[in-house]
């Protein structure tokens, strides 16, 4: 679990840096395209990524269970827990995104100042990149699954 949280912190830091740079560039060139795009599409995009990752996670779990069955060992418990945590993480990211847009569009005066809006734009962009990192992690897991020797999937090879 420690390794998972270290990676998670690293992803947050990288996402933060990218988000700050992109939002500052957008402000510099006076473009609001990105935040308007996120406003219309980000939650839908995140739900789509969540659906893909749930399906992919199911495939990965099924294949790993098959290997465990062939080896008569439970060796992938940490992997199962990691997939489960990843799904919860994505759900939290979606919730934070929705809450961020609620605050971003608030009519309350102290929530509608320029600095607060800048912070919210950075945070929303960070949440987008966290979603992208989640998709990358799922892709890596699927690629790693293809590297497992085929004989571990075949019961007939078991002696």
Foldseek 3Di string as FASTA:
>chain_A
DVVLVVVVVVLLVVLLVVLLVVLVVCVVVVHPVVVVCCLPPVLVVLVVLLVVLVVLLVVLVVQVVLLCVLVVHDDCPVVNVSSVVLSVVSVVLSVVLVVLVCLLPDPPVVSPDPVNNSVSSSVNSSSSSSSVVSSVVSVVSSVVSVVPDPLSNDNVSRD
